[in-house]
Amino acid sequence: MKESHVIRSLAALAHEARLRVFRALVVAGASGLTPGTLAEQLSIAPNALSFHLKELSHAGLIHSERQGRNLLYSATFPAMNDLLAYLTENCCQGESCLTAPNSCQRP
C-alpha cells in the first residue's frame, strides 16, 4: 500500500463522525446501510453525513451501490485490511505476534 493512500485513509478516519460512520458500516457488513439509516442510527444531520460519506469514499474506505431507489454504503474491506496490514507490518520487531490482544510488548 502506498504511503500517500495510507495518509489519505488515516486522515479520513481522523474525525469523530467519519470514524463512527466507518465503524457502523464495518458492523453492517456486506449488506451495507442506507444514508437515512446511518443518519438516524448515528444522530448525524443528513447534509453533514453526505459530506462525511464523500470523504470516506474519496479515501477508498467505503463504496456505494444503487439497489432500486436506495443507495447502499458498505465498508471496502480489502482497503481496511490493507491499511491494517500496513500499520502492523513490522509489529513486534518482525516476530510473530501472540494471538492475545495487546500482544506487542512495549520496551
PDB file of N, CA and C in Angstrom:
ATOM      1  N   MET A   1       0.846  -1.170   0.000  1.00  0.00           N
ATOM      2  CA  MET A   1       0.000   0.000   0.000  1.00  0.00           C
ATOM      3  C   MET A   1       0.892   1.233   0.000  1.00  0.00           C
ATOM      4  N   LYS A   2       0.566   2.183  -0.866  1.00  0.00           N
ATOM      5  CA  LYS A   2       1.364   3.399  -0.949  1.00  0.00           C
ATOM      6  C   LYS A   2       1.136   4.276   0.278  1.00  0.00           C
ATOM      7  N   GLU A   3       2.207   4.916   0.695  1.00  0.00           N
ATOM      8  CA  GLU A   3       2.143   5.772   1.871  1.00  0.00           C
ATOM      9  C   GLU A   3       1.115   6.894   1.704  1.00  0.00           C
ATOM     10  N   SER A   4       0.991   7.429   0.499  1.00  0.00           N
ATOM     11  CA  SER A   4       0.027   8.509   0.261  1.00  0.00           C
ATOM     12  C   SER A   4      -1.404   8.021   0.494  1.00  0.00           C
ATOM     13  N   HIS A   5      -1.676   6.770   0.126  1.00  0.00           N
ATOM     14  CA  HIS A   5      -3.007   6.211   0.341  1.00  0.00           C
ATOM     15  C   HIS A   5      -3.254   5.974   1.839  1.00  0.00           C
ATOM     16  N   VAL A   6      -2.227   5.547   2.549  1.00  0.00           N
ATOM     17  CA  VAL A   6      -2.340   5.350   3.996  1.00  0.00           C
ATOM     18  C   VAL A   6      -2.670   6.680   4.664  1.00  0.00           C
ATOM     19  N   ILE A   7      -1.976   7.727   4.281  1.00  0.00           N
ATOM     20  CA  ILE A   7      -2.202   9.048   4.868  1.00  0.00           C
ATOM     21  C   ILE A   7      -3.617   9.529   4.569  1.00  0.00           C
ATOM     22  N   ARG A   8      -4.093   9.334   3.343  1.00  0.00           N
ATOM     23  CA  ARG A   8      -5.450   9.742   2.964  1.00  0.00           C
ATOM     24  C   ARG A   8      -6.486   8.959   3.787  1.00  0.00           C
ATOM     25  N   SER A   9      -6.256   7.669   3.978  1.00  0.00           N
ATOM     26  CA  SER A   9      -7.181   6.836   4.753  1.00  0.00           C
ATOM     27  C   SER A   9      -7.211   7.254   6.215  1.00  0.00           C
ATOM     28  N   LEU A  10      -6.034   7.449   6.792  1.00  0.00           N
ATOM     29  CA  LEU A  10      -5.975   7.847   8.198  1.00  0.00           C
ATOM     30  C   LEU A  10      -6.569   9.236   8.408  1.00  0.00           C
ATOM     31  N   ALA A  11      -6.347  10.135   7.460  1.00  0.00           N
ATOM     32  CA  ALA A  11      -6.924  11.481   7.558  1.00  0.00           C
ATOM     33  C   ALA A  11      -8.446  11.411   7.521  1.00  0.00           C
ATOM     34  N   ALA A  12      -8.987  10.533   6.685  1.00  0.00           N
ATOM     35  CA  ALA A  12     -10.441  10.390   6.605  1.00  0.00           C
ATOM     36  C   ALA A  12     -11.005   9.849   7.910  1.00  0.00           C
ATOM     37  N   LEU A  13     -10.290   8.971   8.560  1.00  0.00           N
ATOM     38  CA  LEU A  13     -10.761   8.376   9.810  1.00  0.00           C
ATOM     39  C   LEU A  13     -10.509   9.264  11.025  1.00  0.00           C
ATOM     40  N   ALA A  14      -9.737  10.321  10.847  1.00  0.00           N
ATOM     41  CA  ALA A  14      -9.351  11.184  11.964  1.00  0.00           C
ATOM     42  C   ALA A  14     -10.407  12.242  12.265  1.00  0.00           C
ATOM     43  N   HIS A  15     -11.655  11.859  12.180  1.00  0.00           N
ATOM     44  CA  HIS A  15     -12.772  12.736  12.526  1.00  0.00           C
ATOM     45  C   HIS A  15     -13.806  11.859  13.213  1.00  0.00           C
ATOM     46  N   GLU A  16     -14.332  12.337  14.314  1.00  0.00           N
ATOM     47  CA  GLU A  16     -15.245  11.528  15.128  1.00  0.00           C
ATOM     48  C   GLU A  16     -16.422  10.975  14.326  1.00  0.00           C
ATOM     49  N   ALA A  17     -17.082  11.817  13.555  1.00  0.00           N
ATOM     50  CA  ALA A  17     -18.259  11.364  12.804  1.00  0.00           C
ATOM     51  C   ALA A  17     -17.879  10.347  11.737  1.00  0.00           C
ATOM     52  N   ARG A  18     -16.783  10.582  11.019  1.00  0.00           N
ATOM     53  CA  ARG A  18     -16.375   9.645   9.968  1.00  0.00           C
ATOM     54  C   ARG A  18     -15.950   8.308  10.562  1.00  0.00           C
ATOM     55  N   LEU A  19     -15.280   8.342  11.696  1.00  0.00           N
ATOM     56  CA  LEU A  19     -14.893   7.093  12.351  1.00  0.00           C
ATOM     57  C   LEU A  19     -16.139   6.318  12.769  1.00  0.00           C
ATOM     58  N   ARG A  20     -17.133   7.010  13.307  1.00  0.00           N
ATOM     59  CA  ARG A  20     -18.379   6.350  13.704  1.00  0.00           C
ATOM     60  C   ARG A  20     -19.110   5.773  12.498  1.00  0.00           C
ATOM     61  N   VAL A  21     -19.131   6.512  11.395  1.00  0.00           N
ATOM     62  CA  VAL A  21     -19.773   6.019  10.168  1.00  0.00           C
ATOM     63  C   VAL A  21     -19.045   4.780   9.670  1.00  0.00           C
ATOM     64  N   PHE A  22     -17.730   4.844   9.613  1.00  0.00           N
ATOM     65  CA  PHE A  22     -16.958   3.701   9.115  1.00  0.00           C
ATOM     66  C   PHE A  22     -17.188   2.479   9.988  1.00  0.00           C
ATOM     67  N   ARG A  23     -17.145   2.653  11.293  1.00  0.00           N
ATOM     68  CA  ARG A  23     -17.354   1.519  12.205  1.00  0.00           C
ATOM     69  C   ARG A  23     -18.749   0.937  12.038  1.00  0.00           C
ATOM     70  N   ALA A  24     -19.757   1.782  11.857  1.00  0.00           N
ATOM     71  CA  ALA A  24     -21.124   1.287  11.646  1.00  0.00           C
ATOM     72  C   ALA A  24     -21.210   0.474  10.362  1.00  0.00           C
ATOM     73  N   LEU A  25     -20.510   0.910   9.321  1.00  0.00           N
ATOM     74  CA  LEU A  25     -20.519   0.171   8.055  1.00  0.00           C
ATOM     75  C   LEU A  25     -19.750  -1.141   8.167  1.00  0.00           C
ATOM     76  N   VAL A  26     -18.697  -1.164   8.962  1.00  0.00           N
ATOM     77  CA  VAL A  26     -17.971  -2.419   9.196  1.00  0.00           C
ATOM     78  C   VAL A  26     -18.893  -3.408   9.900  1.00  0.00           C
ATOM     79  N   VAL A  27     -19.621  -2.941  10.907  1.00  0.00           N
ATOM     80  CA  VAL A  27     -20.552  -3.803  11.638  1.00  0.00           C
ATOM     81  C   VAL A  27     -21.660  -4.307  10.713  1.00  0.00           C
ATOM     82  N   ALA A  28     -22.142  -3.448   9.824  1.00  0.00           N
ATOM     83  CA  ALA A  28     -23.226  -3.828   8.911  1.00  0.00           C
ATOM     84  C   ALA A  28     -22.794  -4.894   7.914  1.00  0.00           C
ATOM     85  N   GLY A  29     -21.507  -4.976   7.638  1.00  0.00           N
ATOM     86  CA  GLY A  29     -21.015  -5.989   6.708  1.00  0.00           C
ATOM     87  C   GLY A  29     -21.338  -5.678   5.262  1.00  0.00           C
ATOM     88  N   ALA A  30     -21.361  -6.717   4.463  1.00  0.00           N
ATOM     89  CA  ALA A  30     -21.540  -6.566   3.019  1.00  0.00           C
ATOM     90  C   ALA A  30     -22.914  -6.024   2.639  1.00  0.00           C
ATOM     91  N   SER A  31     -23.911  -6.199   3.498  1.00  0.00           N
ATOM     92  CA  SER A  31     -25.252  -5.716   3.169  1.00  0.00           C
ATOM     93  C   SER A  31     -25.333  -4.198   3.181  1.00  0.00           C
ATOM     94  N   GLY A  32     -24.454  -3.532   3.921  1.00  0.00           N
ATOM     95  CA  GLY A  32     -24.384  -2.081   3.922  1.00  0.00           C
ATOM     96  C   GLY A  32     -25.560  -1.414   4.598  1.00  0.00           C
ATOM     97  N   LEU A  33     -25.566  -0.102   4.553  1.00  0.00           N
ATOM     98  CA  LEU A  33     -26.631   0.708   5.151  1.00  0.00           C
ATOM     99  C   LEU A  33     -26.957   1.876   4.235  1.00  0.00           C
ATOM    100  N   THR A  34     -28.196   2.311   4.294  1.00  0.00           N
ATOM    101  CA  THR A  34     -28.595   3.496   3.540  1.00  0.00           C
ATOM    102  C   THR A  34     -28.168   4.737   4.315  1.00  0.00           C
ATOM    103  N   PRO A  35     -28.023   5.867   3.626  1.00  0.00           N
ATOM    104  CA  PRO A  35     -27.698   7.107   4.333  1.00  0.00           C
ATOM    105  C   PRO A  35     -28.737   7.464   5.394  1.00  0.00           C
ATOM    106  N   GLY A  36     -30.003   7.209   5.115  1.00  0.00           N
ATOM    107  CA  GLY A  36     -31.053   7.502   6.090  1.00  0.00           C
ATOM    108  C   GLY A  36     -30.890   6.686   7.363  1.00  0.00           C
ATOM    109  N   THR A  37     -30.567   5.421   7.209  1.00  0.00           N
ATOM    110  CA  THR A  37     -30.351   4.560   8.363  1.00  0.00           C
ATOM    111  C   THR A  37     -29.132   5.014   9.149  1.00  0.00           C
ATOM    112  N   LEU A  38     -28.055   5.354   8.438  1.00  0.00           N
ATOM    113  CA  LEU A  38     -26.849   5.842   9.110  1.00  0.00           C
ATOM    114  C   LEU A  38     -27.128   7.137   9.868  1.00  0.00           C
ATOM    115  N   ALA A  39     -27.827   8.071   9.233  1.00  0.00           N
ATOM    116  CA  ALA A  39     -28.125   9.352   9.866  1.00  0.00           C
ATOM    117  C   ALA A  39     -28.932   9.150  11.138  1.00  0.00           C
ATOM    118  N   GLU A  40     -29.914   8.271  11.067  1.00  0.00           N
ATOM    119  CA  GLU A  40     -30.758   8.013  12.233  1.00  0.00           C
ATOM    120  C   GLU A  40     -29.984   7.274  13.326  1.00  0.00           C
ATOM    121  N   GLN A  41     -29.268   6.250  12.934  1.00  0.00           N
ATOM    122  CA  GLN A  41     -28.526   5.420  13.890  1.00  0.00           C
ATOM    123  C   GLN A  41     -27.445   6.220  14.617  1.00  0.00           C
ATOM    124  N   LEU A  42     -26.780   7.135  13.904  1.00  0.00           N
ATOM    125  CA  LEU A  42     -25.655   7.866  14.473  1.00  0.00           C
ATOM    126  C   LEU A  42     -26.003   9.296  14.887  1.00  0.00           C
ATOM    127  N   SER A  43     -27.247   9.690  14.686  1.00  0.00           N
ATOM    128  CA  SER A  43     -27.702  11.049  15.010  1.00  0.00           C
ATOM    129  C   SER A  43     -26.833  12.108  14.338  1.00  0.00           C
ATOM    130  N   ILE A  44     -26.658  11.938  13.034  1.00  0.00           N
ATOM    131  CA  ILE A  44     -25.900  12.889  12.226  1.00  0.00           C
ATOM    132  C   ILE A  44     -26.855  13.505  11.210  1.00  0.00           C
ATOM    133  N   ALA A  45     -26.805  14.818  11.069  1.00  0.00           N
ATOM    134  CA  ALA A  45     -27.658  15.504  10.090  1.00  0.00           C
ATOM    135  C   ALA A  45     -27.349  14.980   8.685  1.00  0.00           C
ATOM    136  N   PRO A  46     -28.386  14.790   7.867  1.00  0.00           N
ATOM    137  CA  PRO A  46     -28.172  14.233   6.521  1.00  0.00           C
ATOM    138  C   PRO A  46     -27.159  14.996   5.671  1.00  0.00           C
ATOM    139  N   ASN A  47     -27.159  16.332   5.736  1.00  0.00           N
ATOM    140  CA  ASN A  47     -26.202  17.096   4.917  1.00  0.00           C
ATOM    141  C   ASN A  47     -24.774  16.885   5.419  1.00  0.00           C
ATOM    142  N   ALA A  48     -24.575  16.783   6.725  1.00  0.00           N
ATOM    143  CA  ALA A  48     -23.245  16.508   7.272  1.00  0.00           C
ATOM    144  C   ALA A  48     -22.822  15.085   6.930  1.00  0.00           C
ATOM    145  N   LEU A  49     -23.770  14.148   7.016  1.00  0.00           N
ATOM    146  CA  LEU A  49     -23.463  12.758   6.691  1.00  0.00           C
ATOM    147  C   LEU A  49     -23.000  12.632   5.246  1.00  0.00           C
ATOM    148  N   SER A  50     -23.655  13.350   4.353  1.00  0.00           N
ATOM    149  CA  SER A  50     -23.282  13.314   2.940  1.00  0.00           C
ATOM    150  C   SER A  50     -21.822  13.725   2.752  1.00  0.00           C
ATOM    151  N   PHE A  51     -21.401  14.767   3.446  1.00  0.00           N
ATOM    152  CA  PHE A  51     -20.016  15.221   3.376  1.00  0.00           C
ATOM    153  C   PHE A  51     -19.067  14.137   3.896  1.00  0.00           C
ATOM    154  N   HIS A  52     -19.395  13.522   5.017  1.00  0.00           N
ATOM    155  CA  HIS A  52     -18.525  12.501   5.607  1.00  0.00           C
ATOM    156  C   HIS A  52     -18.455  11.252   4.728  1.00  0.00           C
ATOM    157  N   LEU A  53     -19.569  10.869   4.132  1.00  0.00           N
ATOM    158  CA  LEU A  53     -19.567   9.724   3.219  1.00  0.00           C
ATOM    159  C   LEU A  53     -18.675   9.997   2.012  1.00  0.00           C
ATOM    160  N   LYS A  54     -18.726  11.218   1.507  1.00  0.00           N
ATOM    161  CA  LYS A  54     -17.880  11.596   0.366  1.00  0.00           C
ATOM    162  C   LYS A  54     -16.402  11.482   0.735  1.00  0.00           C
ATOM    163  N   GLU A  55     -16.041  11.961   1.918  1.00  0.00           N
ATOM    164  CA  GLU A  55     -14.642  11.902   2.352  1.00  0.00           C
ATOM    165  C   GLU A  55     -14.169  10.463   2.513  1.00  0.00           C
ATOM    166  N   LEU A  56     -14.985   9.606   3.112  1.00  0.00           N
ATOM    167  CA  LEU A  56     -14.614   8.199   3.281  1.00  0.00           C
ATOM    168  C   LEU A  56     -14.532   7.488   1.933  1.00  0.00           C
ATOM    169  N   SER A  57     -15.429   7.842   1.042  1.00  0.00           N
ATOM    170  CA  SER A  57     -15.419   7.253  -0.297  1.00  0.00           C
ATOM    171  C   SER A  57     -14.177   7.688  -1.070  1.00  0.00           C
ATOM    172  N   HIS A  58     -13.839   8.974  -0.976  1.00  0.00           N
ATOM    173  CA  HIS A  58     -12.649   9.501  -1.645  1.00  0.00           C
ATOM    174  C   HIS A  58     -11.381   8.787  -1.146  1.00  0.00           C
ATOM    175  N   ALA A  59     -11.360   8.416   0.116  1.00  0.00           N
ATOM    176  CA  ALA A  59     -10.213   7.708   0.684  1.00  0.00           C
ATOM    177  C   ALA A  59     -10.214   6.224   0.314  1.00  0.00           C
ATOM    178  N   GLY A  60     -11.293   5.757  -0.310  1.00  0.00           N
ATOM    179  CA  GLY A  60     -11.368   4.355  -0.725  1.00  0.00           C
ATOM    180  C   GLY A  60     -11.780   3.406   0.388  1.00  0.00           C
ATOM    181  N   LEU A  61     -12.243   3.946   1.512  1.00  0.00           N
ATOM    182  CA  LEU A  61     -12.605   3.103   2.648  1.00  0.00           C
ATOM    183  C   LEU A  61     -14.039   2.587   2.576  1.00  0.00           C
ATOM    184  N   ILE A  62     -14.884   3.267   1.795  1.00  0.00           N
ATOM    185  CA  ILE A  62     -16.261   2.817   1.609  1.00  0.00           C
ATOM    186  C   ILE A  62     -16.614   2.938   0.134  1.00  0.00           C
ATOM    187  N   HIS A  63     -17.685   2.261  -0.234  1.00  0.00           N
ATOM    188  CA  HIS A  63     -18.201   2.380  -1.599  1.00  0.00           C
ATOM    189  C   HIS A  63     -19.720   2.351  -1.539  1.00  0.00           C
ATOM    190  N   SER A  64     -20.339   2.804  -2.603  1.00  0.00           N
ATOM    191  CA  SER A  64     -21.804   2.818  -2.650  1.00  0.00           C
ATOM    192  C   SER A  64     -22.283   1.993  -3.831  1.00  0.00           C
ATOM    193  N   GLU A  65     -23.507   1.516  -3.682  1.00  0.00           N
ATOM    194  CA  GLU A  65     -24.127   0.705  -4.727  1.00  0.00           C
ATOM    195  C   GLU A  65     -25.613   1.044  -4.740  1.00  0.00           C
ATOM    196  N   ARG A  66     -26.147   1.250  -5.919  1.00  0.00           N
ATOM    197  CA  ARG A  66     -27.568   1.549  -6.032  1.00  0.00           C
ATOM    198  C   ARG A  66     -28.337   0.242  -6.118  1.00  0.00           C
ATOM    199  N   GLN A  67     -29.337   0.110  -5.260  1.00  0.00           N
ATOM    200  CA  GLN A  67     -30.249  -1.041  -5.301  1.00  0.00           C
ATOM    201  C   GLN A  67     -31.663  -0.488  -5.381  1.00  0.00           C
ATOM    202  N   GLY A  68     -32.192  -0.476  -6.578  1.00  0.00           N
ATOM    203  CA  GLY A  68     -33.507   0.115  -6.792  1.00  0.00           C
ATOM    204  C   GLY A  68     -33.434   1.609  -6.545  1.00  0.00           C
ATOM    205  N   ARG A  69     -34.284   2.098  -5.663  1.00  0.00           N
ATOM    206  CA  ARG A  69     -34.287   3.529  -5.327  1.00  0.00           C
ATOM    207  C   ARG A  69     -33.295   3.857  -4.220  1.00  0.00           C
ATOM    208  N   ASN A  70     -32.731   2.849  -3.604  1.00  0.00           N
ATOM    209  CA  ASN A  70     -31.844   3.067  -2.462  1.00  0.00           C
ATOM    210  C   ASN A  70     -30.379   3.074  -2.853  1.00  0.00           C
ATOM    211  N   LEU A  71     -29.628   3.862  -2.141  1.00  0.00           N
ATOM    212  CA  LEU A  71     -28.179   3.875  -2.258  1.00  0.00           C
ATOM    213  C   LEU A  71     -27.643   3.225  -0.985  1.00  0.00           C
ATOM    214  N   LEU A  72     -26.873   2.158  -1.147  1.00  0.00           N
ATOM    215  CA  LEU A  72     -26.321   1.450  -0.003  1.00  0.00           C
ATOM    216  C   LEU A  72     -24.827   1.709   0.080  1.00  0.00           C
ATOM    217  N   TYR A  73     -24.378   2.063   1.253  1.00  0.00           N
ATOM    218  CA  TYR A  73     -22.947   2.259   1.507  1.00  0.00           C
ATOM    219  C   TYR A  73     -22.423   1.068   2.287  1.00  0.00           C
ATOM    220  N   SER A  74     -21.224   0.621   1.920  1.00  0.00           N
ATOM    221  CA  SER A  74     -20.573  -0.504   2.588  1.00  0.00           C
ATOM    222  C   SER A  74     -19.102  -0.184   2.787  1.00  0.00           C
ATOM    223  N   ALA A  75     -18.528  -0.782   3.803  1.00  0.00           N
ATOM    224  CA  ALA A  75     -17.088  -0.664   4.011  1.00  0.00           C
ATOM    225  C   ALA A  75     -16.373  -1.426   2.906  1.00  0.00           C
ATOM    226  N   THR A  76     -15.251  -0.904   2.461  1.00  0.00           N
ATOM    227  CA  THR A  76     -14.420  -1.599   1.477  1.00  0.00           C
ATOM    228  C   THR A  76     -13.401  -2.408   2.282  1.00  0.00           C
ATOM    229  N   PHE A  77     -13.764  -3.657   2.558  1.00  0.00           N
ATOM    230  CA  PHE A  77     -12.962  -4.481   3.453  1.00  0.00           C
ATOM    231  C   PHE A  77     -11.534  -4.729   2.971  1.00  0.00           C
ATOM    232  N   PRO A  78     -11.293  -4.916   1.668  1.00  0.00           N
ATOM    233  CA  PRO A  78      -9.899  -5.067   1.237  1.00  0.00           C
ATOM    234  C   PRO A  78      -9.048  -3.836   1.563  1.00  0.00           C
ATOM    235  N   ALA A  79      -9.616  -2.632   1.425  1.00  0.00           N
ATOM    236  CA  ALA A  79      -8.878  -1.408   1.759  1.00  0.00           C
ATOM    237  C   ALA A  79      -8.606  -1.347   3.254  1.00  0.00           C
ATOM    238  N   MET A  80      -9.601  -1.729   4.063  1.00  0.00           N
ATOM    239  CA  MET A  80      -9.414  -1.745   5.510  1.00  0.00           C
ATOM    240  C   MET A  80      -8.323  -2.740   5.891  1.00  0.00           C
ATOM    241  N   ASN A  81      -8.362  -3.924   5.296  1.00  0.00           N
ATOM    242  CA  ASN A  81      -7.353  -4.937   5.602  1.00  0.00           C
ATOM    243  C   ASN A  81      -5.962  -4.510   5.150  1.00  0.00           C
ATOM    244  N   ASP A  82      -5.876  -3.834   4.002  1.00  0.00           N
ATOM    245  CA  ASP A  82      -4.583  -3.338   3.532  1.00  0.00           C
ATOM    246  C   ASP A  82      -4.026  -2.288   4.493  1.00  0.00           C
ATOM    247  N   LEU A  83      -4.898  -1.416   4.986  1.00  0.00           N
ATOM    248  CA  LEU A  83      -4.470  -0.386   5.934  1.00  0.00           C
ATOM    249  C   LEU A  83      -3.974  -1.029   7.230  1.00  0.00           C
ATOM    250  N   LEU A  84      -4.724  -1.984   7.740  1.00  0.00           N
ATOM    251  CA  LEU A  84      -4.302  -2.680   8.965  1.00  0.00           C
ATOM    252  C   LEU A  84      -2.992  -3.433   8.753  1.00  0.00           C
ATOM    253  N   ALA A  85      -2.849  -4.061   7.598  1.00  0.00           N
ATOM    254  CA  ALA A  85      -1.612  -4.789   7.303  1.00  0.00           C
ATOM    255  C   ALA A  85      -0.430  -3.829   7.243  1.00  0.00           C
ATOM    256  N   TYR A  86      -0.631  -2.674   6.629  1.00  0.00           N
ATOM    257  CA  TYR A  86       0.443  -1.679   6.558  1.00  0.00           C
ATOM    258  C   TYR A  86       0.849  -1.219   7.956  1.00  0.00           C
ATOM    259  N   LEU A  87      -0.148  -0.958   8.790  1.00  0.00           N
ATOM    260  CA  LEU A  87       0.133  -0.449  10.136  1.00  0.00           C
ATOM    261  C   LEU A  87       0.797  -1.483  11.034  1.00  0.00           C
ATOM    262  N   THR A  88       0.561  -2.752  10.774  1.00  0.00           N
ATOM    263  CA  THR A  88       1.115  -3.798  11.636  1.00  0.00           C
ATOM    264  C   THR A  88       2.238  -4.593  10.971  1.00  0.00           C
ATOM    265  N   GLU A  89       2.689  -4.132   9.826  1.00  0.00           N
ATOM    266  CA  GLU A  89       3.685  -4.866   9.038  1.00  0.00           C
ATOM    267  C   GLU A  89       4.937  -5.203   9.840  1.00  0.00           C
ATOM    268  N   ASN A  90       5.422  -4.291  10.623  1.00  0.00           N
ATOM    269  CA  ASN A  90       6.651  -4.532  11.382  1.00  0.00           C
ATOM    270  C   ASN A  90       6.384  -4.645  12.877  1.00  0.00           C
ATOM    271  N   CYS A  91       5.190  -5.071  13.213  1.00  0.00           N
ATOM    272  CA  CYS A  91       4.811  -5.231  14.613  1.00  0.00           C
ATOM    273  C   CYS A  91       5.722  -6.262  15.279  1.00  0.00           C
ATOM    274  N   CYS A  92       6.001  -6.035  16.518  1.00  0.00           N
ATOM    275  CA  CYS A  92       6.766  -6.991  17.328  1.00  0.00           C
ATOM    276  C   CYS A  92       8.150  -7.272  16.741  1.00  0.00           C
ATOM    277  N   GLN A  93       8.753  -6.260  16.148  1.00  0.00           N
ATOM    278  CA  GLN A  93      10.092  -6.362  15.591  1.00  0.00           C
ATOM    279  C   GLN A  93      10.227  -7.506  14.580  1.00  0.00           C
ATOM    280  N   GLY A  94       9.151  -7.711  13.799  1.00  0.00           N
ATOM    281  CA  GLY A  94       9.173  -8.727  12.752  1.00  0.00           C
ATOM    282  C   GLY A  94       8.855 -10.127  13.229  1.00  0.00           C
ATOM    283  N   GLU A  95       8.681 -10.323  14.514  1.00  0.00           N
ATOM    284  CA  GLU A  95       8.343 -11.633  15.066  1.00  0.00           C
ATOM    285  C   GLU A  95       6.838 -11.864  14.944  1.00  0.00           C
ATOM    286  N   SER A  96       6.429 -13.124  15.003  1.00  0.00           N
ATOM    287  CA  SER A  96       5.006 -13.427  15.041  1.00  0.00           C
ATOM    288  C   SER A  96       4.432 -12.910  16.346  1.00  0.00           C
ATOM    289  N   CYS A  97       3.310 -12.232  16.244  1.00  0.00           N
ATOM    290  CA  CYS A  97       2.663 -11.720  17.444  1.00  0.00           C
ATOM    291  C   CYS A  97       1.851 -12.831  18.084  1.00  0.00           C
ATOM    292  N   LEU A  98       1.694 -12.723  19.379  1.00  0.00           N
ATOM    293  CA  LEU A  98       0.831 -13.658  20.083  1.00  0.00           C
ATOM    294  C   LEU A  98      -0.603 -13.383  19.681  1.00  0.00           C
ATOM    295  N   THR A  99      -1.492 -14.343  19.873  1.00  0.00           N
ATOM    296  CA  THR A  99      -2.885 -14.161  19.476  1.00  0.00           C
ATOM    297  C   THR A  99      -3.667 -13.323  20.474  1.00  0.00           C
ATOM    298  N   ALA A 100      -3.132 -13.120  21.656  1.00  0.00           N
ATOM    299  CA  ALA A 100      -3.845 -12.333  22.668  1.00  0.00           C
ATOM    300  C   ALA A 100      -3.824 -10.869  22.315  1.00  0.00           C
ATOM    301  N   PRO A 101      -4.885 -10.135  22.667  1.00  0.00           N
ATOM    302  CA  PRO A 101      -4.874  -8.684  22.424  1.00  0.00           C
ATOM    303  C   PRO A 101      -3.709  -8.035  23.131  1.00  0.00           C
ATOM    304  N   ASN A 102      -3.250  -6.921  22.574  1.00  0.00           N
ATOM    305  CA  ASN A 102      -2.131  -6.175  23.137  1.00  0.00           C
ATOM    306  C   ASN A 102      -0.879  -7.030  23.241  1.00  0.00           C
ATOM    307  N   SER A 103      -0.661  -7.880  22.252  1.00  0.00           N
ATOM    308  CA  SER A 103       0.461  -8.802  22.320  1.00  0.00           C
ATOM    309  C   SER A 103       1.804  -8.129  22.039  1.00  0.00           C
ATOM    310  N   CYS A 104       1.789  -6.973  21.409  1.00  0.00           N
ATOM    311  CA  CYS A 104       3.045  -6.267  21.157  1.00  0.00           C
ATOM    312  C   CYS A 104       3.520  -5.647  22.459  1.00  0.00           C
ATOM    313  N   GLN A 105       4.717  -5.968  22.835  1.00  0.00           N
ATOM    314  CA  GLN A 105       5.277  -5.506  24.098  1.00  0.00           C
ATOM    315  C   GLN A 105       5.907  -4.143  23.939  1.00  0.00           C
ATOM    316  N   ARG A 106       5.721  -3.289  24.931  1.00  0.00           N
ATOM    317  CA  ARG A 106       6.419  -2.001  24.958  1.00  0.00           C
ATOM    318  C   ARG A 106       7.772  -2.220  25.582  1.00  0.00           C
ATOM    319  N   PRO A 107       8.792  -1.467  25.117  1.00  0.00           N
ATOM    320  CA  PRO A 107      10.129  -1.645  25.700  1.00  0.00           C
ATOM    321  C   PRO A 107      10.169  -1.187  27.139  1.00  0.00           C
TER     322      PRO A 107
END
